[in-house]
Amino acid sequence: MEKLLATHLTELSTRYAKAMGVSLATLSERAAGDWRFFKQVADGSLNFRIRSYDRAMAWFSDNWPADAEWPSDVPRPQPSDKQGDASC
């Protein structure tokens, strides 16, 4: 299961960084509070907790660029009422 969840995070982080024109390190800092988070998830060197996954998924859902398509193979959480800063 962790491998599937890591795939979701990697796909979202890659698409988001590209759509917003930011580095993966910048996105990681803003979305997860650790500039290495998405790199380590992608290369398999980080065993993350489900709470970290849920937080990152909620952040992506709340901050997803309107002009970017959410990947159809990644379940999207319902965006919260309190939107974050998508300008990263």
C-alpha atoms as a PDB file:
ATOM      1  CA  MET A   1       0.000   0.000   0.000  1.00  0.00           C
ATOM      2  CA  GLU A   2       2.837   2.407   0.838  1.00  0.00           C
ATOM      3  CA  LYS A   3       4.203   2.045  -2.692  1.00  0.00           C
ATOM      4  CA  LEU A   4       0.842   3.032  -4.200  1.00  0.00           C
ATOM      5  CA  LEU A   5       0.548   6.037  -1.889  1.00  0.00           C
ATOM      6  CA  ALA A   6       4.113   7.070  -2.716  1.00  0.00           C
ATOM      7  CA  THR A   7       3.212   6.856  -6.405  1.00  0.00           C
ATOM      8  CA  HIS A   8       0.246   9.180  -5.809  1.00  0.00           C
ATOM      9  CA  LEU A   9       2.403  11.736  -3.995  1.00  0.00           C
ATOM     10  CA  THR A  10       5.129  11.550  -6.615  1.00  0.00           C
ATOM     11  CA  GLU A  11       2.704  12.036  -9.486  1.00  0.00           C
ATOM     12  CA  LEU A  12       0.974  14.965  -7.797  1.00  0.00           C
ATOM     13  CA  SER A  13       4.201  16.665  -6.733  1.00  0.00           C
ATOM     14  CA  THR A  14       5.730  16.329 -10.195  1.00  0.00           C
ATOM     15  CA  ARG A  15       2.633  17.690 -11.960  1.00  0.00           C
ATOM     16  CA  TYR A  16       2.109  20.491  -9.464  1.00  0.00           C
ATOM     17  CA  ALA A  17       5.735  21.656  -9.554  1.00  0.00           C
ATOM     18  CA  LYS A  18       5.667  21.694 -13.350  1.00  0.00           C
ATOM     19  CA  ALA A  19       2.314  23.497 -13.547  1.00  0.00           C
ATOM     20  CA  MET A  20       3.398  26.148 -11.055  1.00  0.00           C
ATOM     21  CA  GLY A  21       6.993  26.478 -12.239  1.00  0.00           C
ATOM     22  CA  VAL A  22       8.547  25.720  -8.853  1.00  0.00           C
ATOM     23  CA  SER A  23      11.229  23.287  -7.799  1.00  0.00           C
ATOM     24  CA  LEU A  24      10.344  20.090  -6.014  1.00  0.00           C
ATOM     25  CA  ALA A  25      12.287  21.353  -2.978  1.00  0.00           C
ATOM     26  CA  THR A  26      10.227  24.553  -2.841  1.00  0.00           C
ATOM     27  CA  LEU A  27       7.001  22.624  -3.212  1.00  0.00           C
ATOM     28  CA  SER A  28       8.082  20.144  -0.523  1.00  0.00           C
ATOM     29  CA  GLU A  29       8.838  22.943   1.920  1.00  0.00           C
ATOM     30  CA  ARG A  30       5.495  24.612   1.326  1.00  0.00           C
ATOM     31  CA  ALA A  31       3.311  21.507   1.216  1.00  0.00           C
ATOM     32  CA  ALA A  32       5.073  19.253   3.734  1.00  0.00           C
ATOM     33  CA  GLY A  33       7.378  21.529   5.740  1.00  0.00           C
ATOM     34  CA  ASP A  34      10.491  19.628   4.624  1.00  0.00           C
ATOM     35  CA  TRP A  35      12.341  20.496   1.422  1.00  0.00           C
ATOM     36  CA  ARG A  36      13.387  16.841   0.959  1.00  0.00           C
ATOM     37  CA  PHE A  37       9.979  15.219   1.461  1.00  0.00           C
ATOM     38  CA  PHE A  38       8.813  14.584  -2.131  1.00  0.00           C
ATOM     39  CA  LYS A  39      12.307  13.681  -3.374  1.00  0.00           C
ATOM     40  CA  GLN A  40      12.644  11.099  -0.617  1.00  0.00           C
ATOM     41  CA  VAL A  41       9.155   9.748  -1.254  1.00  0.00           C
ATOM     42  CA  ALA A  42       9.973   9.382  -4.969  1.00  0.00           C
ATOM     43  CA  ASP A  43      13.293   7.620  -4.418  1.00  0.00           C
ATOM     44  CA  GLY A  44      11.898   5.334  -1.711  1.00  0.00           C
ATOM     45  CA  SER A  45      14.204   6.524   1.048  1.00  0.00           C
ATOM     46  CA  LEU A  46      11.387   7.839   3.260  1.00  0.00           C
ATOM     47  CA  ASN A  47       8.881   5.713   5.122  1.00  0.00           C
ATOM     48  CA  PHE A  48       6.112   8.241   5.650  1.00  0.00           C
ATOM     49  CA  ARG A  49       3.103   7.957   7.907  1.00  0.00           C
ATOM     50  CA  ILE A  50      -0.472   7.977   6.708  1.00  0.00           C
ATOM     51  CA  ARG A  51      -0.941  11.295   8.523  1.00  0.00           C
ATOM     52  CA  SER A  52       1.798  12.830   6.335  1.00  0.00           C
ATOM     53  CA  TYR A  53       0.130  11.406   3.252  1.00  0.00           C
ATOM     54  CA  ASP A  54      -3.280  12.753   4.275  1.00  0.00           C
ATOM     55  CA  ARG A  55      -1.851  16.210   4.991  1.00  0.00           C
ATOM     56  CA  ALA A  56      -0.030  16.352   1.669  1.00  0.00           C
ATOM     57  CA  MET A  57      -3.095  15.141  -0.233  1.00  0.00           C
ATOM     58  CA  ALA A  58      -5.288  17.731   1.482  1.00  0.00           C
ATOM     59  CA  TRP A  59      -2.745  20.445   0.658  1.00  0.00           C
ATOM     60  CA  PHE A  60      -2.687  19.411  -3.008  1.00  0.00           C
ATOM     61  CA  SER A  61      -6.471  19.273  -3.161  1.00  0.00           C
ATOM     62  CA  ASP A  62      -6.792  22.736  -1.606  1.00  0.00           C
ATOM     63  CA  ASN A  63      -4.046  24.283  -3.744  1.00  0.00           C
ATOM     64  CA  TRP A  64      -4.366  22.489  -7.062  1.00  0.00           C
ATOM     65  CA  PRO A  65      -4.038  24.918 -10.003  1.00  0.00           C
ATOM     66  CA  ALA A  66      -7.361  25.537 -11.720  1.00  0.00           C
ATOM     67  CA  ASP A  67      -5.815  25.087 -15.163  1.00  0.00           C
ATOM     68  CA  ALA A  68      -4.102  21.756 -14.350  1.00  0.00           C
ATOM     69  CA  GLU A  69      -5.864  18.424 -14.571  1.00  0.00           C
ATOM     70  CA  TRP A  70      -5.878  16.255 -11.440  1.00  0.00           C
ATOM     71  CA  PRO A  71      -4.609  12.765 -12.398  1.00  0.00           C
ATOM     72  CA  SER A  72      -7.558  10.427 -12.915  1.00  0.00           C
ATOM     73  CA  ASP A  73      -5.777   7.515 -11.218  1.00  0.00           C
ATOM     74  CA  VAL A  74      -5.224   9.438  -7.961  1.00  0.00           C
ATOM     75  CA  PRO A  75      -8.223   9.774  -5.615  1.00  0.00           C
ATOM     76  CA  ARG A  76      -8.767  13.439  -4.769  1.00  0.00           C
ATOM     77  CA  PRO A  77      -9.865  14.432  -1.280  1.00  0.00           C
ATOM     78  CA  GLN A  78     -12.634  16.976  -1.035  1.00  0.00           C
ATOM     79  CA  PRO A  79     -11.071  20.465  -0.900  1.00  0.00           C
ATOM     80  CA  SER A  80     -11.527  22.118   2.476  1.00  0.00           C
ATOM     81  CA  ASP A  81     -13.412  25.366   3.001  1.00  0.00           C
ATOM     82  CA  LYS A  82     -10.138  26.987   4.066  1.00  0.00           C
ATOM     83  CA  GLN A  83      -8.059  27.300   0.892  1.00  0.00           C
ATOM     84  CA  GLY A  84      -4.276  27.567   1.133  1.00  0.00           C
ATOM     85  CA  ASP A  85      -1.876  29.722  -0.859  1.00  0.00           C
ATOM     86  CA  ALA A  86      -1.682  28.261  -4.357  1.00  0.00           C
ATOM     87  CA  SER A  87       0.777  30.908  -5.478  1.00  0.00           C
ATOM     88  CA  CYS A  88       3.824  28.845  -4.616  1.00  0.00           C
END
